[in-house]
Amino acid sequence: MKFFLTLGGSIGFLTIFFTELHAGNEIGFALRDGALGCLAGAFLLRGFHYVMMRCIKSLVLEQNSMSASSTSTKGSSSGVN
């Protein structure tokens, strides 16, 4: 999770900082807005990472339950013969 916080913060800072400089704002304002962009980017990417991990976890659990139910079905049908 630290990787995604760092990556999101870096992307947020660089995007906002260079956008502010390109717009012609002073360096102090660009740094301040870049710091706010860093926070926003970090928490945004952290949220996306959390949602992605939750979806992957539910997918794995669903596949495991389907695998377990198909294994128990195969075992009972082979025992009947």
N, C-alpha and C. Protein backbone atom coordinates (compact mmCIF):
# COMPACT_ATOMS: atom_id res chain seq x y z
N MET A 1 0.82 -1.18 0.00
CA MET A 1 0.00 0.00 0.00
C MET A 1 0.87 1.26 0.00
N LYS A 2 2.06 1.19 0.61
CA LYS A 2 2.94 2.34 0.62
C LYS A 2 3.35 2.74 -0.79
N PHE A 3 3.51 1.74 -1.64
CA PHE A 3 3.89 2.02 -3.03
C PHE A 3 2.82 2.86 -3.72
N PHE A 4 1.56 2.51 -3.50
CA PHE A 4 0.48 3.24 -4.17
C PHE A 4 0.31 4.63 -3.59
N LEU A 5 0.54 4.81 -2.29
CA LEU A 5 0.50 6.15 -1.71
C LEU A 5 1.61 7.02 -2.30
N THR A 6 2.80 6.45 -2.39
CA THR A 6 3.94 7.20 -2.93
C THR A 6 3.74 7.52 -4.41
N LEU A 7 3.28 6.54 -5.16
CA LEU A 7 3.05 6.75 -6.59
C LEU A 7 1.97 7.80 -6.82
N GLY A 8 0.86 7.69 -6.12
CA GLY A 8 -0.22 8.65 -6.27
C GLY A 8 0.20 10.05 -5.86
N GLY A 9 0.96 10.14 -4.76
CA GLY A 9 1.44 11.45 -4.32
C GLY A 9 2.39 12.08 -5.32
N SER A 10 3.27 11.28 -5.87
CA SER A 10 4.22 11.80 -6.86
C SER A 10 3.51 12.27 -8.12
N ILE A 11 2.59 11.47 -8.59
CA ILE A 11 1.84 11.85 -9.80
C ILE A 11 1.02 13.11 -9.55
N GLY A 12 0.35 13.16 -8.38
CA GLY A 12 -0.45 14.34 -8.05
C GLY A 12 0.39 15.59 -7.94
N PHE A 13 1.52 15.49 -7.25
CA PHE A 13 2.38 16.66 -7.10
C PHE A 13 2.91 17.14 -8.43
N LEU A 14 3.48 16.23 -9.21
CA LEU A 14 4.08 16.64 -10.48
C LEU A 14 3.05 17.21 -11.44
N THR A 15 1.89 16.61 -11.48
CA THR A 15 0.84 17.10 -12.39
C THR A 15 0.42 18.52 -12.03
N ILE A 16 0.10 18.74 -10.77
CA ILE A 16 -0.37 20.05 -10.34
C ILE A 16 0.75 21.09 -10.38
N PHE A 17 1.94 20.71 -9.95
CA PHE A 17 3.06 21.64 -9.92
C PHE A 17 3.38 22.16 -11.31
N PHE A 18 3.53 21.24 -12.28
CA PHE A 18 3.87 21.70 -13.63
C PHE A 18 2.71 22.40 -14.32
N THR A 19 1.50 22.04 -13.98
CA THR A 19 0.34 22.75 -14.53
C THR A 19 0.32 24.19 -14.01
N GLU A 20 0.58 24.36 -12.73
CA GLU A 20 0.62 25.71 -12.15
C GLU A 20 1.76 26.55 -12.75
N LEU A 21 2.92 25.94 -12.92
CA LEU A 21 4.02 26.69 -13.52
C LEU A 21 3.72 27.06 -14.96
N HIS A 22 3.10 26.14 -15.69
CA HIS A 22 2.76 26.41 -17.08
C HIS A 22 1.70 27.51 -17.18
N ALA A 23 0.84 27.60 -16.17
CA ALA A 23 -0.19 28.64 -16.18
C ALA A 23 0.38 30.01 -15.82
N GLY A 24 1.64 30.05 -15.39
CA GLY A 24 2.28 31.32 -15.11
C GLY A 24 2.18 31.76 -13.65
N ASN A 25 1.81 30.88 -12.75
CA ASN A 25 1.73 31.23 -11.34
C ASN A 25 3.12 31.25 -10.71
N GLU A 26 3.21 31.93 -9.57
CA GLU A 26 4.48 32.01 -8.85
C GLU A 26 4.86 30.65 -8.29
N ILE A 27 6.16 30.48 -8.02
CA ILE A 27 6.67 29.20 -7.56
C ILE A 27 6.09 28.81 -6.19
N GLY A 28 5.87 29.79 -5.33
CA GLY A 28 5.30 29.51 -4.01
C GLY A 28 3.89 28.94 -4.10
N PHE A 29 3.09 29.53 -4.97
CA PHE A 29 1.72 29.02 -5.15
C PHE A 29 1.73 27.65 -5.84
N ALA A 30 2.68 27.48 -6.76
CA ALA A 30 2.77 26.19 -7.45
C ALA A 30 3.18 25.09 -6.47
N LEU A 31 4.08 25.39 -5.54
CA LEU A 31 4.48 24.40 -4.53
C LEU A 31 3.34 24.09 -3.57
N ARG A 32 2.60 25.12 -3.16
CA ARG A 32 1.47 24.91 -2.25
C ARG A 32 0.41 24.04 -2.92
N ASP A 33 0.05 24.38 -4.14
CA ASP A 33 -0.96 23.61 -4.85
C ASP A 33 -0.45 22.21 -5.18
N GLY A 34 0.85 22.09 -5.44
CA GLY A 34 1.43 20.78 -5.67
C GLY A 34 1.35 19.89 -4.44
N ALA A 35 1.54 20.50 -3.26
CA ALA A 35 1.43 19.72 -2.02
C ALA A 35 -0.01 19.23 -1.82
N LEU A 36 -0.97 20.07 -2.12
CA LEU A 36 -2.37 19.65 -2.03
C LEU A 36 -2.69 18.57 -3.07
N GLY A 37 -2.10 18.71 -4.25
CA GLY A 37 -2.27 17.69 -5.28
C GLY A 37 -1.63 16.37 -4.88
N CYS A 38 -0.54 16.47 -4.14
CA CYS A 38 0.14 15.27 -3.63
C CYS A 38 -0.78 14.51 -2.69
N LEU A 39 -1.40 15.21 -1.77
CA LEU A 39 -2.33 14.57 -0.83
C LEU A 39 -3.53 13.97 -1.57
N ALA A 40 -4.09 14.74 -2.47
CA ALA A 40 -5.26 14.25 -3.20
C ALA A 40 -4.92 13.03 -4.05
N GLY A 41 -3.80 13.07 -4.74
CA GLY A 41 -3.39 11.94 -5.57
C GLY A 41 -3.09 10.70 -4.77
N ALA A 42 -2.46 10.89 -3.60
CA ALA A 42 -2.13 9.74 -2.75
C ALA A 42 -3.38 9.05 -2.26
N PHE A 43 -4.33 9.82 -1.74
CA PHE A 43 -5.55 9.21 -1.21
C PHE A 43 -6.44 8.65 -2.32
N LEU A 44 -6.41 9.28 -3.48
CA LEU A 44 -7.20 8.78 -4.60
C LEU A 44 -6.66 7.43 -5.08
N LEU A 45 -5.36 7.32 -5.26
CA LEU A 45 -4.78 6.06 -5.70
C LEU A 45 -4.88 4.99 -4.62
N ARG A 46 -4.82 5.40 -3.35
CA ARG A 46 -5.00 4.45 -2.25
C ARG A 46 -6.42 3.88 -2.28
N GLY A 47 -7.39 4.72 -2.56
CA GLY A 47 -8.78 4.26 -2.67
C GLY A 47 -8.96 3.31 -3.83
N PHE A 48 -8.37 3.63 -4.97
CA PHE A 48 -8.46 2.73 -6.13
C PHE A 48 -7.80 1.39 -5.82
N HIS A 49 -6.68 1.41 -5.11
CA HIS A 49 -5.98 0.19 -4.74
C HIS A 49 -6.85 -0.65 -3.80
N TYR A 50 -7.52 -0.01 -2.85
CA TYR A 50 -8.39 -0.72 -1.92
C TYR A 50 -9.55 -1.40 -2.65
N VAL A 51 -10.17 -0.68 -3.58
CA VAL A 51 -11.28 -1.25 -4.35
C VAL A 51 -10.79 -2.40 -5.22
N MET A 52 -9.63 -2.24 -5.84
CA MET A 52 -9.08 -3.30 -6.69
C MET A 52 -8.79 -4.55 -5.86
N MET A 53 -8.18 -4.39 -4.70
CA MET A 53 -7.87 -5.55 -3.85
C MET A 53 -9.14 -6.23 -3.34
N ARG A 54 -10.16 -5.44 -3.03
CA ARG A 54 -11.43 -6.02 -2.57
C ARG A 54 -12.09 -6.83 -3.68
N CYS A 55 -12.03 -6.33 -4.91
CA CYS A 55 -12.61 -7.07 -6.04
C CYS A 55 -11.83 -8.35 -6.32
N ILE A 56 -10.51 -8.28 -6.25
CA ILE A 56 -9.70 -9.48 -6.48
C ILE A 56 -9.96 -10.51 -5.39
N LYS A 57 -10.08 -10.07 -4.14
CA LYS A 57 -10.34 -10.98 -3.03
C LYS A 57 -11.69 -11.67 -3.21
N SER A 58 -12.72 -10.93 -3.59
CA SER A 58 -14.04 -11.55 -3.78
C SER A 58 -14.02 -12.50 -4.97
N LEU A 59 -13.26 -12.19 -6.00
CA LEU A 59 -13.16 -13.08 -7.16
C LEU A 59 -12.49 -14.38 -6.78
N VAL A 60 -11.40 -14.30 -6.00
CA VAL A 60 -10.70 -15.51 -5.57
C VAL A 60 -11.59 -16.35 -4.68
N LEU A 61 -12.29 -15.72 -3.74
CA LEU A 61 -13.19 -16.46 -2.86
C LEU A 61 -14.32 -17.13 -3.65
N GLU A 62 -14.84 -16.44 -4.65
CA GLU A 62 -15.89 -17.00 -5.49
C GLU A 62 -15.37 -18.20 -6.29
N GLN A 63 -14.17 -18.08 -6.84
CA GLN A 63 -13.59 -19.19 -7.60
C GLN A 63 -13.29 -20.38 -6.70
N ASN A 64 -12.84 -20.12 -5.49
CA ASN A 64 -12.57 -21.21 -4.56
C ASN A 64 -13.85 -21.92 -4.15
N SER A 65 -14.93 -21.18 -3.94
CA SER A 65 -16.19 -21.81 -3.55
C SER A 65 -16.77 -22.60 -4.73
N MET A 66 -16.61 -22.09 -5.95
CA MET A 66 -17.08 -22.82 -7.12
C MET A 66 -16.26 -24.09 -7.32
N SER A 67 -14.97 -24.00 -7.08
CA SER A 67 -14.09 -25.16 -7.22
C SER A 67 -14.43 -26.21 -6.17
N ALA A 68 -14.70 -25.78 -4.96
CA ALA A 68 -15.05 -26.72 -3.89
C ALA A 68 -16.39 -27.39 -4.16
N SER A 69 -17.35 -26.63 -4.68
CA SER A 69 -18.66 -27.22 -4.95
C SER A 69 -18.59 -28.18 -6.15
N SER A 70 -17.77 -27.87 -7.14
CA SER A 70 -17.65 -28.79 -8.28
C SER A 70 -16.90 -30.05 -7.89
N THR A 71 -15.94 -29.93 -6.98
CA THR A 71 -15.20 -31.10 -6.51
C THR A 71 -16.11 -32.02 -5.70
N SER A 72 -16.95 -31.45 -4.85
CA SER A 72 -17.86 -32.27 -4.05
C SER A 72 -18.93 -32.89 -4.94
N THR A 73 -19.35 -32.23 -6.00
CA THR A 73 -20.33 -32.78 -6.93
C THR A 73 -19.72 -33.93 -7.71
N LYS A 74 -18.47 -33.77 -8.15
CA LYS A 74 -17.81 -34.84 -8.90
C LYS A 74 -17.58 -36.07 -8.02
N GLY A 75 -17.23 -35.84 -6.77
CA GLY A 75 -16.96 -36.94 -5.86
C GLY A 75 -18.22 -37.74 -5.56
N SER A 76 -19.36 -37.08 -5.42
CA SER A 76 -20.60 -37.80 -5.11
C SER A 76 -21.14 -38.54 -6.33
N SER A 77 -20.96 -37.99 -7.51
CA SER A 77 -21.45 -38.67 -8.72
C SER A 77 -20.61 -39.87 -9.06
N SER A 78 -19.31 -39.85 -8.78
CA SER A 78 -18.46 -41.00 -9.08
C SER A 78 -18.70 -42.11 -8.06
N GLY A 79 -19.14 -41.78 -6.84
CA GLY A 79 -19.43 -42.78 -5.83
C GLY A 79 -20.70 -43.55 -6.12
N VAL A 80 -21.62 -42.97 -6.92
CA VAL A 80 -22.90 -43.62 -7.24
C VAL A 80 -22.69 -44.77 -8.20
N ASN A 81 -21.73 -44.64 -9.11
CA ASN A 81 -21.50 -45.67 -10.12
C ASN A 81 -21.00 -46.86 -9.46
